């Protein structure tokens, strides 16, 4: 196996920006398998306006159902309480074995927050963290992170900041539009739009 790209997040809801960026990274890494990993209770996210995990999982599956390269894991949604990326990566490592290259995709904003992540030094040893770079955005200063994970891991982090398309779509904007009764067509796959409306998600004040 050439490698597996893992992409975790709240996906609240999943949208075309997630999918386009993920595909661009997968192409650059030349991986043949992409796994979306919706979280149950993200430790860095507020639970306010967070759709139930079962709904976010279903929307992810609908979004990628016609792409055989993509799949969706329910592992995090089945864990009790908040889960940490390190535990998820170890689960996939046990599934795929030591010979498979595992990549975990993050955004540039998350790269700035890695000093707060649970056992970040162990996570960097378990997989390769890949950052979706944005055009014109300079990488942050990683000197404070270097004290936690060492110079070699920081070098790997910098080497895996990949250029990705600038897609100005956000889940928060989609939720805001839905609360106002505005259309979200073309922002997320049509199957997701239909699911949101049928399940009456994000329509409260």
N, C-alpha and C. Protein backbone atom coordinates (compact mmCIF):
# COMPACT_ATOMS: atom_id res chain seq x y z
N UNK A 1 0.85 -1.19 0.00
CA UNK A 1 0.00 0.00 0.00
C UNK A 1 0.88 1.24 0.00
N UNK A 2 0.59 2.19 -0.89
CA UNK A 2 1.42 3.38 -1.04
C UNK A 2 1.33 4.29 0.18
N UNK A 3 0.24 4.25 0.89
CA UNK A 3 0.07 5.10 2.05
C UNK A 3 -1.39 5.42 2.26
N UNK A 4 -1.71 5.89 3.45
CA UNK A 4 -3.08 6.22 3.82
C UNK A 4 -3.10 7.64 4.37
N UNK A 5 -3.99 8.46 3.83
CA UNK A 5 -4.18 9.81 4.34
C UNK A 5 -5.40 9.81 5.24
N UNK A 6 -5.21 10.19 6.49
CA UNK A 6 -6.28 10.30 7.47
C UNK A 6 -6.64 11.76 7.64
N UNK A 7 -7.93 12.05 7.61
CA UNK A 7 -8.38 13.44 7.71
C UNK A 7 -9.47 13.50 8.77
N UNK A 8 -9.11 14.01 9.93
CA UNK A 8 -10.06 14.10 11.03
C UNK A 8 -10.65 15.49 11.14
N UNK A 9 -11.80 15.57 11.78
CA UNK A 9 -12.43 16.86 11.99
C UNK A 9 -13.86 16.69 12.44
N UNK A 10 -14.48 17.82 12.76
CA UNK A 10 -15.88 17.75 13.16
C UNK A 10 -16.80 17.57 11.96
N UNK A 11 -16.39 18.09 10.78
CA UNK A 11 -17.21 17.99 9.56
C UNK A 11 -18.65 18.38 9.87
N UNK A 12 -18.82 19.64 10.27
CA UNK A 12 -20.07 20.12 10.84
C UNK A 12 -20.72 21.25 10.04
N UNK A 13 -21.11 21.02 8.77
CA UNK A 13 -21.08 19.76 8.02
C UNK A 13 -19.86 19.69 7.10
N UNK A 14 -19.64 18.52 6.52
CA UNK A 14 -18.62 18.38 5.48
C UNK A 14 -19.02 19.22 4.27
N UNK A 15 -18.03 19.77 3.56
CA UNK A 15 -18.34 20.62 2.40
C UNK A 15 -17.27 20.44 1.32
N UNK A 16 -17.49 21.11 0.19
CA UNK A 16 -16.58 20.95 -0.95
C UNK A 16 -15.16 21.39 -0.63
N UNK A 17 -15.00 22.36 0.26
CA UNK A 17 -13.65 22.79 0.63
C UNK A 17 -12.87 21.65 1.25
N UNK A 18 -13.49 20.92 2.18
CA UNK A 18 -12.83 19.75 2.77
C UNK A 18 -12.38 18.77 1.68
N UNK A 19 -13.28 18.48 0.77
CA UNK A 19 -13.03 17.44 -0.22
C UNK A 19 -11.97 17.84 -1.24
N UNK A 20 -12.02 19.09 -1.69
CA UNK A 20 -11.06 19.56 -2.68
C UNK A 20 -9.65 19.59 -2.11
N UNK A 21 -9.52 20.13 -0.90
CA UNK A 21 -8.20 20.20 -0.25
C UNK A 21 -7.66 18.80 0.02
N UNK A 22 -8.52 17.92 0.51
CA UNK A 22 -8.09 16.56 0.82
C UNK A 22 -7.62 15.84 -0.44
N UNK A 23 -8.36 16.00 -1.53
CA UNK A 23 -7.96 15.37 -2.79
C UNK A 23 -6.62 15.91 -3.28
N UNK A 24 -6.41 17.24 -3.15
CA UNK A 24 -5.15 17.84 -3.60
C UNK A 24 -3.97 17.29 -2.81
N UNK A 25 -4.15 17.11 -1.51
CA UNK A 25 -3.07 16.56 -0.67
C UNK A 25 -2.82 15.10 -1.03
N UNK A 26 -3.90 14.34 -1.23
CA UNK A 26 -3.74 12.93 -1.59
C UNK A 26 -2.97 12.77 -2.89
N UNK A 27 -3.24 13.64 -3.86
CA UNK A 27 -2.53 13.58 -5.13
C UNK A 27 -1.05 13.87 -4.95
N UNK A 28 -0.72 14.86 -4.12
CA UNK A 28 0.69 15.21 -3.92
C UNK A 28 1.44 14.14 -3.16
N UNK A 29 0.76 13.47 -2.24
CA UNK A 29 1.40 12.39 -1.48
C UNK A 29 1.40 11.07 -2.25
N UNK A 30 0.59 11.02 -3.31
CA UNK A 30 0.44 9.80 -4.11
C UNK A 30 -0.07 8.64 -3.26
N UNK A 31 -1.05 8.92 -2.41
CA UNK A 31 -1.65 7.86 -1.62
C UNK A 31 -2.85 7.30 -2.37
N UNK A 32 -3.16 6.05 -2.12
CA UNK A 32 -4.26 5.42 -2.83
C UNK A 32 -5.49 5.23 -1.95
N UNK A 33 -5.44 5.73 -0.73
CA UNK A 33 -6.57 5.57 0.19
C UNK A 33 -6.68 6.79 1.08
N UNK A 34 -7.88 7.34 1.17
CA UNK A 34 -8.16 8.50 2.01
C UNK A 34 -9.29 8.13 2.96
N UNK A 35 -9.07 8.35 4.25
CA UNK A 35 -10.09 8.00 5.25
C UNK A 35 -10.48 9.26 6.03
N UNK A 36 -11.74 9.62 5.93
CA UNK A 36 -12.27 10.71 6.73
C UNK A 36 -12.64 10.16 8.10
N UNK A 37 -12.28 10.93 9.15
CA UNK A 37 -12.50 10.45 10.52
C UNK A 37 -13.28 11.51 11.29
N UNK A 38 -14.61 11.49 11.19
CA UNK A 38 -15.41 12.45 11.96
C UNK A 38 -15.22 12.22 13.46
N UNK A 39 -15.10 13.31 14.20
CA UNK A 39 -14.90 13.21 15.64
C UNK A 39 -16.24 13.23 16.37
N UNK A 40 -16.26 12.63 17.55
CA UNK A 40 -17.48 12.63 18.36
C UNK A 40 -17.56 13.90 19.18
N UNK A 41 -16.52 14.16 19.98
CA UNK A 41 -16.46 15.36 20.83
C UNK A 41 -15.08 15.97 20.69
N UNK A 42 -14.86 16.81 19.69
CA UNK A 42 -13.52 17.36 19.47
C UNK A 42 -13.04 18.15 20.68
N UNK A 43 -11.87 17.82 21.26
CA UNK A 43 -11.40 18.50 22.47
C UNK A 43 -11.09 19.97 22.25
N UNK A 44 -10.87 20.42 21.01
CA UNK A 44 -10.54 21.82 20.73
C UNK A 44 -11.74 22.58 20.17
N UNK A 45 -12.93 21.97 20.19
CA UNK A 45 -14.10 22.61 19.60
C UNK A 45 -15.18 22.80 20.66
N UNK A 46 -15.94 23.87 20.52
CA UNK A 46 -17.09 24.08 21.39
C UNK A 46 -18.23 23.19 20.93
N UNK A 47 -18.97 22.56 21.88
CA UNK A 47 -20.09 21.70 21.48
C UNK A 47 -21.28 22.49 20.95
N UNK A 48 -21.25 23.82 21.05
CA UNK A 48 -22.37 24.63 20.58
C UNK A 48 -22.54 24.46 19.07
N UNK A 49 -23.76 24.20 18.66
CA UNK A 49 -24.10 24.08 17.24
C UNK A 49 -23.47 22.87 16.58
N UNK A 50 -23.05 21.89 17.38
CA UNK A 50 -22.45 20.68 16.81
C UNK A 50 -23.54 19.65 16.58
N UNK A 51 -23.72 19.26 15.33
CA UNK A 51 -24.72 18.25 15.01
C UNK A 51 -24.33 16.91 15.63
N UNK A 52 -25.30 16.05 15.92
CA UNK A 52 -24.98 14.73 16.47
C UNK A 52 -23.96 13.98 15.61
N UNK A 53 -23.12 13.22 16.28
CA UNK A 53 -22.06 12.50 15.56
C UNK A 53 -22.63 11.59 14.48
N UNK A 54 -23.77 10.96 14.74
CA UNK A 54 -24.35 10.06 13.75
C UNK A 54 -24.73 10.81 12.47
N UNK A 55 -25.21 12.05 12.62
CA UNK A 55 -25.56 12.84 11.45
C UNK A 55 -24.33 13.27 10.68
N UNK A 56 -23.29 13.69 11.37
CA UNK A 56 -22.07 14.12 10.69
C UNK A 56 -21.40 12.94 9.99
N UNK A 57 -21.46 11.79 10.60
CA UNK A 57 -20.93 10.58 9.98
C UNK A 57 -21.71 10.25 8.71
N UNK A 58 -23.03 10.33 8.79
CA UNK A 58 -23.87 10.03 7.62
C UNK A 58 -23.59 11.01 6.49
N UNK A 59 -23.43 12.30 6.82
CA UNK A 59 -23.16 13.30 5.78
C UNK A 59 -21.82 13.04 5.11
N UNK A 60 -20.82 12.64 5.87
CA UNK A 60 -19.52 12.32 5.28
C UNK A 60 -19.64 11.15 4.31
N UNK A 61 -20.39 10.15 4.69
CA UNK A 61 -20.56 8.99 3.82
C UNK A 61 -21.28 9.36 2.54
N UNK A 62 -22.27 10.22 2.65
CA UNK A 62 -22.98 10.66 1.46
C UNK A 62 -22.06 11.47 0.54
N UNK A 63 -21.19 12.27 1.14
CA UNK A 63 -20.34 13.16 0.36
C UNK A 63 -19.33 12.40 -0.50
N UNK A 64 -18.91 11.21 -0.06
CA UNK A 64 -17.85 10.49 -0.78
C UNK A 64 -18.33 9.17 -1.36
N UNK A 65 -19.62 8.93 -1.38
CA UNK A 65 -20.12 7.61 -1.76
C UNK A 65 -19.79 7.24 -3.20
N UNK A 66 -19.52 8.22 -4.06
CA UNK A 66 -19.22 7.91 -5.45
C UNK A 66 -17.72 7.95 -5.76
N UNK A 67 -16.89 8.08 -4.73
CA UNK A 67 -15.44 8.13 -4.92
C UNK A 67 -14.79 6.94 -4.22
N UNK A 68 -14.36 5.93 -4.97
CA UNK A 68 -13.81 4.72 -4.35
C UNK A 68 -12.51 4.94 -3.59
N UNK A 69 -11.83 6.06 -3.85
CA UNK A 69 -10.59 6.34 -3.12
C UNK A 69 -10.87 6.78 -1.68
N UNK A 70 -12.06 7.33 -1.46
CA UNK A 70 -12.41 7.88 -0.15
C UNK A 70 -13.30 6.90 0.62
N UNK A 71 -13.10 6.87 1.93
CA UNK A 71 -13.98 6.13 2.82
C UNK A 71 -14.11 6.90 4.13
N UNK A 72 -15.02 6.46 4.97
CA UNK A 72 -15.31 7.15 6.23
C UNK A 72 -15.21 6.15 7.37
N UNK A 73 -14.51 6.55 8.42
CA UNK A 73 -14.37 5.70 9.61
C UNK A 73 -15.28 6.21 10.73
N UNK A 74 -15.93 5.27 11.41
CA UNK A 74 -16.76 5.64 12.55
C UNK A 74 -16.04 5.40 13.88
N UNK A 75 -14.74 5.12 13.82
CA UNK A 75 -14.02 4.73 15.04
C UNK A 75 -14.11 5.79 16.14
N UNK A 76 -13.85 7.06 15.80
CA UNK A 76 -13.87 8.09 16.83
C UNK A 76 -15.27 8.31 17.39
N UNK A 77 -16.28 8.19 16.55
CA UNK A 77 -17.64 8.43 17.02
C UNK A 77 -18.10 7.35 17.99
N UNK A 78 -17.42 6.22 18.00
CA UNK A 78 -17.79 5.12 18.90
C UNK A 78 -17.04 5.15 20.22
N UNK A 79 -16.10 6.10 20.37
CA UNK A 79 -15.32 6.16 21.59
C UNK A 79 -16.05 6.98 22.66
N UNK A 80 -15.99 6.56 23.92
CA UNK A 80 -16.65 7.31 24.99
C UNK A 80 -15.85 8.57 25.34
N UNK A 81 -16.54 9.69 25.42
CA UNK A 81 -15.88 10.93 25.82
C UNK A 81 -14.99 11.49 24.75
N UNK A 82 -14.27 12.58 25.06
CA UNK A 82 -13.35 13.20 24.09
C UNK A 82 -12.25 12.22 23.69
N UNK A 83 -11.88 12.26 22.42
CA UNK A 83 -10.81 11.39 21.92
C UNK A 83 -9.65 12.27 21.46
N UNK A 84 -8.47 11.68 21.42
CA UNK A 84 -7.29 12.42 20.99
C UNK A 84 -6.73 11.79 19.72
N UNK A 85 -6.14 12.63 18.88
CA UNK A 85 -5.62 12.17 17.59
C UNK A 85 -4.63 11.03 17.77
N UNK A 86 -3.80 11.10 18.80
CA UNK A 86 -2.81 10.04 19.02
C UNK A 86 -3.48 8.68 19.14
N UNK A 87 -4.59 8.61 19.87
CA UNK A 87 -5.28 7.33 20.05
C UNK A 87 -5.86 6.83 18.74
N UNK A 88 -6.38 7.76 17.94
CA UNK A 88 -6.93 7.38 16.63
C UNK A 88 -5.83 6.85 15.72
N UNK A 89 -4.72 7.55 15.66
CA UNK A 89 -3.61 7.12 14.80
C UNK A 89 -3.10 5.75 15.24
N UNK A 90 -3.02 5.52 16.54
CA UNK A 90 -2.56 4.21 17.01
C UNK A 90 -3.53 3.10 16.61
N UNK A 91 -4.81 3.41 16.58
CA UNK A 91 -5.79 2.44 16.13
C UNK A 91 -5.55 2.06 14.66
N UNK A 92 -5.33 3.08 13.82
CA UNK A 92 -5.08 2.80 12.41
C UNK A 92 -3.71 2.13 12.21
N UNK A 93 -2.74 2.49 13.03
CA UNK A 93 -1.44 1.83 12.94
C UNK A 93 -1.57 0.35 13.24
N UNK A 94 -2.37 0.01 14.23
CA UNK A 94 -2.56 -1.40 14.56
C UNK A 94 -3.30 -2.13 13.43
N UNK A 95 -4.14 -1.39 12.71
CA UNK A 95 -4.91 -1.99 11.61
C UNK A 95 -4.05 -2.22 10.37
N UNK A 96 -3.21 -1.22 10.03
CA UNK A 96 -2.46 -1.28 8.78
C UNK A 96 -1.04 -1.83 8.95
N UNK A 97 -0.50 -1.79 10.15
CA UNK A 97 0.84 -2.31 10.38
C UNK A 97 1.92 -1.27 10.18
N UNK A 98 3.12 -1.63 10.60
CA UNK A 98 4.24 -0.69 10.59
C UNK A 98 4.71 -0.34 9.19
N UNK A 99 4.39 -1.17 8.21
CA UNK A 99 4.90 -0.94 6.86
C UNK A 99 4.13 0.07 6.04
N UNK A 100 3.00 0.55 6.55
CA UNK A 100 2.18 1.50 5.80
C UNK A 100 2.46 2.92 6.27
N UNK A 101 2.69 3.81 5.32
CA UNK A 101 2.89 5.21 5.65
C UNK A 101 1.54 5.83 6.03
N UNK A 102 1.46 6.38 7.23
CA UNK A 102 0.24 7.03 7.68
C UNK A 102 0.47 8.54 7.71
N UNK A 103 -0.46 9.27 7.11
CA UNK A 103 -0.41 10.73 7.10
C UNK A 103 -1.68 11.26 7.78
N UNK A 104 -1.50 12.30 8.58
CA UNK A 104 -2.66 12.95 9.23
C UNK A 104 -2.70 14.39 8.74
N UNK A 105 -3.82 14.76 8.13
CA UNK A 105 -3.96 16.08 7.51
C UNK A 105 -4.49 17.10 8.51
N UNK A 106 -3.82 18.25 8.57
CA UNK A 106 -4.26 19.38 9.40
C UNK A 106 -4.23 20.64 8.56
N UNK A 107 -4.83 21.71 9.07
CA UNK A 107 -4.79 23.00 8.42
C UNK A 107 -3.72 23.89 9.02
N UNK A 108 -3.43 24.99 8.36
CA UNK A 108 -2.38 25.90 8.83
C UNK A 108 -2.70 26.44 10.22
N UNK A 109 -3.98 26.71 10.49
CA UNK A 109 -4.35 27.20 11.82
C UNK A 109 -4.03 26.17 12.89
N UNK A 110 -4.26 24.90 12.57
CA UNK A 110 -3.97 23.84 13.53
C UNK A 110 -2.47 23.70 13.76
N UNK A 111 -1.68 23.93 12.74
CA UNK A 111 -0.22 23.85 12.89
C UNK A 111 0.25 24.79 13.99
N UNK A 112 -0.40 25.93 14.11
CA UNK A 112 -0.03 26.90 15.15
C UNK A 112 -0.41 26.43 16.55
N UNK A 113 -1.32 25.45 16.63
CA UNK A 113 -1.84 25.01 17.93
C UNK A 113 -1.24 23.70 18.41
N UNK A 114 -0.29 23.14 17.68
CA UNK A 114 0.18 21.79 18.00
C UNK A 114 0.83 21.69 19.37
N UNK A 115 1.33 22.79 19.92
CA UNK A 115 1.93 22.73 21.26
C UNK A 115 0.89 22.35 22.31
N UNK A 116 -0.39 22.53 22.02
CA UNK A 116 -1.45 22.20 22.99
C UNK A 116 -1.99 20.80 22.79
N UNK A 117 -1.55 20.09 21.76
CA UNK A 117 -2.10 18.76 21.47
C UNK A 117 -1.58 17.71 22.46
N UNK A 118 -2.41 16.73 22.68
CA UNK A 118 -2.11 15.63 23.60
C UNK A 118 -0.92 14.81 23.09
N UNK A 119 0.17 14.77 23.89
CA UNK A 119 1.36 13.98 23.59
C UNK A 119 1.79 14.17 22.13
N UNK A 120 1.99 15.42 21.74
CA UNK A 120 2.32 15.73 20.35
C UNK A 120 3.62 15.06 19.92
N UNK A 121 4.56 14.86 20.84
CA UNK A 121 5.81 14.20 20.49
C UNK A 121 5.58 12.76 20.06
N UNK A 122 4.68 12.06 20.75
CA UNK A 122 4.38 10.68 20.39
C UNK A 122 3.60 10.61 19.08
N UNK A 123 2.72 11.58 18.87
CA UNK A 123 1.95 11.61 17.62
C UNK A 123 2.88 11.76 16.42
N UNK A 124 3.86 12.65 16.53
CA UNK A 124 4.80 12.87 15.43
C UNK A 124 5.64 11.63 15.15
N UNK A 125 5.81 10.78 16.14
CA UNK A 125 6.56 9.54 15.94
C UNK A 125 5.69 8.46 15.29
N UNK A 126 4.38 8.55 15.46
CA UNK A 126 3.45 7.53 14.97
C UNK A 126 3.04 7.75 13.52
N UNK A 127 3.04 9.01 13.06
CA UNK A 127 2.58 9.31 11.70
C UNK A 127 3.26 10.57 11.20
N UNK A 128 3.00 10.90 9.96
CA UNK A 128 3.51 12.14 9.38
C UNK A 128 2.37 13.16 9.34
N UNK A 129 2.56 14.27 10.02
CA UNK A 129 1.57 15.34 10.00
C UNK A 129 1.77 16.16 8.73
N UNK A 130 0.69 16.32 7.98
CA UNK A 130 0.73 17.05 6.72
C UNK A 130 -0.17 18.28 6.86
N UNK A 131 0.37 19.44 6.52
CA UNK A 131 -0.38 20.69 6.65
C UNK A 131 -0.85 21.17 5.29
N UNK A 132 -2.15 21.46 5.19
CA UNK A 132 -2.69 22.05 3.98
C UNK A 132 -2.37 23.54 3.99
N UNK A 133 -1.39 23.93 3.19
CA UNK A 133 -1.00 25.33 3.13
C UNK A 133 -1.96 26.13 2.29
N UNK A 134 -2.02 27.42 2.56
CA UNK A 134 -2.89 28.31 1.80
C UNK A 134 -2.01 29.28 1.01
N UNK A 135 -2.40 29.59 -0.22
CA UNK A 135 -1.59 30.51 -1.03
C UNK A 135 -1.36 31.83 -0.31
N UNK A 136 -0.09 32.24 -0.23
CA UNK A 136 0.25 33.51 0.39
C UNK A 136 0.37 33.48 1.90
N UNK A 137 0.08 32.33 2.51
CA UNK A 137 0.15 32.22 3.97
C UNK A 137 1.51 31.65 4.37
N UNK A 138 2.25 32.39 5.17
CA UNK A 138 3.56 31.93 5.62
C UNK A 138 3.41 30.95 6.78
N UNK A 139 4.25 29.92 6.83
CA UNK A 139 4.21 29.00 7.96
C UNK A 139 4.50 29.74 9.26
N UNK A 140 3.90 29.31 10.38
CA UNK A 140 4.15 29.98 11.66
C UNK A 140 5.53 29.64 12.21
N UNK A 141 5.94 30.39 13.20
CA UNK A 141 7.18 30.12 13.92
C UNK A 141 6.99 28.85 14.75
N UNK A 142 7.82 27.86 14.53
CA UNK A 142 7.67 26.57 15.21
C UNK A 142 8.73 26.35 16.29
N UNK A 143 9.38 27.43 16.71
CA UNK A 143 10.47 27.28 17.69
C UNK A 143 9.97 26.71 19.02
N UNK A 144 8.78 27.13 19.45
CA UNK A 144 8.26 26.60 20.72
C UNK A 144 7.90 25.12 20.57
N UNK A 145 7.46 24.73 19.39
CA UNK A 145 7.12 23.33 19.15
C UNK A 145 8.39 22.47 19.11
N UNK A 146 9.47 23.04 18.64
CA UNK A 146 10.72 22.29 18.53
C UNK A 146 11.18 21.80 19.89
N UNK A 147 10.90 22.58 20.94
CA UNK A 147 11.29 22.17 22.29
C UNK A 147 10.55 20.91 22.73
N UNK A 148 9.36 20.68 22.16
CA UNK A 148 8.55 19.53 22.53
C UNK A 148 8.85 18.30 21.69
N UNK A 149 9.09 18.49 20.40
CA UNK A 149 9.19 17.33 19.51
C UNK A 149 10.58 17.17 18.88
N UNK A 150 11.46 18.15 19.03
CA UNK A 150 12.80 18.02 18.50
C UNK A 150 12.97 18.59 17.10
N UNK A 151 14.18 18.84 16.72
CA UNK A 151 14.50 19.50 15.46
C UNK A 151 14.10 18.66 14.24
N UNK A 152 14.33 17.34 14.31
CA UNK A 152 14.03 16.49 13.16
C UNK A 152 12.53 16.45 12.87
N UNK A 153 11.71 16.36 13.91
CA UNK A 153 10.26 16.34 13.70
C UNK A 153 9.76 17.67 13.14
N UNK A 154 10.35 18.77 13.59
CA UNK A 154 9.97 20.07 13.05
C UNK A 154 10.37 20.17 11.58
N UNK A 155 11.51 19.60 11.24
CA UNK A 155 11.94 19.59 9.83
C UNK A 155 10.93 18.84 8.99
N UNK A 156 10.45 17.70 9.48
CA UNK A 156 9.45 16.92 8.76
C UNK A 156 8.14 17.69 8.62
N UNK A 157 7.76 18.40 9.67
CA UNK A 157 6.55 19.22 9.61
C UNK A 157 6.66 20.26 8.51
N UNK A 158 7.79 20.95 8.48
CA UNK A 158 7.98 22.01 7.47
C UNK A 158 8.01 21.41 6.07
N UNK A 159 8.61 20.23 5.93
CA UNK A 159 8.71 19.60 4.61
C UNK A 159 7.35 19.13 4.10
N UNK A 160 6.40 18.98 5.00
CA UNK A 160 5.07 18.49 4.61
C UNK A 160 4.00 19.57 4.73
N UNK A 161 4.38 20.81 4.51
CA UNK A 161 3.41 21.88 4.31
C UNK A 161 3.18 21.96 2.81
N UNK A 162 2.03 21.50 2.35
CA UNK A 162 1.76 21.36 0.93
C UNK A 162 0.81 22.44 0.43
N UNK A 163 1.08 22.93 -0.77
CA UNK A 163 0.21 23.93 -1.38
C UNK A 163 -1.12 23.30 -1.77
N UNK A 164 -2.21 23.93 -1.35
CA UNK A 164 -3.54 23.43 -1.69
C UNK A 164 -4.39 24.58 -2.20
N UNK A 165 -5.46 24.29 -2.93
CA UNK A 165 -6.31 25.36 -3.47
C UNK A 165 -6.93 26.21 -2.36
N UNK A 166 -7.07 27.47 -2.64
CA UNK A 166 -7.72 28.39 -1.70
C UNK A 166 -9.23 28.31 -1.94
N UNK A 167 -9.93 27.65 -1.04
CA UNK A 167 -11.37 27.46 -1.17
C UNK A 167 -12.05 28.20 -0.02
N UNK A 168 -12.74 29.28 -0.34
CA UNK A 168 -13.37 30.10 0.70
C UNK A 168 -14.76 29.58 1.05
N UNK A 169 -14.79 28.36 1.59
CA UNK A 169 -16.02 27.77 2.09
C UNK A 169 -15.75 27.33 3.53
N UNK A 170 -16.66 27.65 4.42
CA UNK A 170 -16.49 27.22 5.81
C UNK A 170 -17.78 26.61 6.32
N UNK A 171 -17.63 25.66 7.24
CA UNK A 171 -18.80 25.04 7.84
C UNK A 171 -19.60 26.05 8.64
N UNK A 172 -18.91 26.98 9.31
CA UNK A 172 -19.63 27.99 10.10
C UNK A 172 -20.50 28.87 9.21
N UNK A 173 -20.00 29.21 8.02
CA UNK A 173 -20.81 30.01 7.09
C UNK A 173 -22.02 29.22 6.59
N UNK A 174 -21.81 27.93 6.32
CA UNK A 174 -22.93 27.09 5.90
C UNK A 174 -23.99 27.04 6.98
N UNK A 175 -23.58 26.87 8.22
CA UNK A 175 -24.55 26.82 9.32
C UNK A 175 -25.29 28.15 9.46
N UNK A 176 -24.55 29.24 9.30
CA UNK A 176 -25.18 30.55 9.41
C UNK A 176 -26.22 30.76 8.32
N UNK A 177 -25.89 30.33 7.10
CA UNK A 177 -26.83 30.47 5.99
C UNK A 177 -28.09 29.63 6.25
N UNK A 178 -27.90 28.44 6.77
CA UNK A 178 -29.05 27.58 7.04
C UNK A 178 -29.95 28.18 8.12
N UNK A 179 -29.35 28.79 9.13
CA UNK A 179 -30.17 29.42 10.18
C UNK A 179 -31.00 30.57 9.62
N UNK A 180 -30.47 31.21 8.57
CA UNK A 180 -31.19 32.32 7.95
C UNK A 180 -32.14 31.86 6.85
N UNK A 181 -32.17 30.57 6.60
CA UNK A 181 -33.03 30.05 5.55
C UNK A 181 -32.49 30.25 4.15
N UNK A 182 -31.17 30.47 4.02
CA UNK A 182 -30.55 30.70 2.72
C UNK A 182 -30.06 29.38 2.12
N UNK A 183 -29.89 29.38 0.82
CA UNK A 183 -29.45 28.18 0.12
C UNK A 183 -27.98 27.88 0.40
N UNK A 184 -27.66 26.59 0.50
CA UNK A 184 -26.26 26.16 0.62
C UNK A 184 -25.88 25.25 -0.55
N UNK A 185 -26.66 25.27 -1.60
CA UNK A 185 -26.31 24.51 -2.79
C UNK A 185 -24.98 24.99 -3.34
N UNK A 186 -24.20 24.06 -3.86
CA UNK A 186 -22.87 24.29 -4.44
C UNK A 186 -21.79 24.50 -3.38
N UNK A 187 -22.16 24.63 -2.11
CA UNK A 187 -21.17 24.73 -1.04
C UNK A 187 -20.81 23.36 -0.50
N UNK A 188 -21.72 22.44 -0.63
CA UNK A 188 -21.53 21.07 -0.14
C UNK A 188 -22.27 20.15 -1.12
N UNK A 189 -21.88 18.87 -1.20
CA UNK A 189 -22.55 17.98 -2.15
C UNK A 189 -24.07 17.98 -1.99
N UNK A 190 -24.76 17.79 -3.10
CA UNK A 190 -26.22 17.85 -3.08
C UNK A 190 -26.83 16.82 -2.13
N UNK A 191 -26.22 15.66 -2.01
CA UNK A 191 -26.73 14.65 -1.09
C UNK A 191 -26.66 15.14 0.35
N UNK A 192 -25.64 15.92 0.67
CA UNK A 192 -25.51 16.49 2.01
C UNK A 192 -26.57 17.57 2.23
N UNK A 193 -26.80 18.40 1.21
CA UNK A 193 -27.85 19.42 1.31
C UNK A 193 -29.19 18.76 1.61
N UNK A 194 -29.50 17.70 0.89
CA UNK A 194 -30.78 17.01 1.09
C UNK A 194 -30.86 16.41 2.49
N UNK A 195 -29.75 15.86 2.97
CA UNK A 195 -29.75 15.27 4.32
C UNK A 195 -29.98 16.34 5.38
N UNK A 196 -29.27 17.47 5.24
CA UNK A 196 -29.41 18.57 6.21
C UNK A 196 -30.87 18.99 6.32
N UNK A 197 -31.52 19.15 5.18
CA UNK A 197 -32.91 19.60 5.21
C UNK A 197 -33.85 18.53 5.75
N UNK A 198 -33.62 17.28 5.37
CA UNK A 198 -34.51 16.21 5.84
C UNK A 198 -34.36 15.99 7.34
N UNK A 199 -33.14 16.16 7.88
CA UNK A 199 -32.90 15.98 9.31
C UNK A 199 -33.09 17.26 10.10
N UNK A 200 -33.38 18.36 9.39
CA UNK A 200 -33.60 19.67 10.00
C UNK A 200 -32.41 20.07 10.90
N UNK A 201 -31.21 19.95 10.32
CA UNK A 201 -29.99 20.33 11.05
C UNK A 201 -29.72 21.82 10.87
N UNK A 202 -29.14 22.42 11.90
CA UNK A 202 -28.65 23.80 11.87
C UNK A 202 -29.74 24.83 11.57
N UNK A 203 -30.97 24.49 11.83
CA UNK A 203 -32.04 25.44 11.50
C UNK A 203 -32.51 26.22 12.71
N UNK A 204 -31.93 25.95 13.89
CA UNK A 204 -32.31 26.70 15.09
C UNK A 204 -31.64 28.05 15.14
N UNK A 205 -31.97 28.84 16.13
CA UNK A 205 -31.37 30.17 16.27
C UNK A 205 -30.16 30.10 17.16
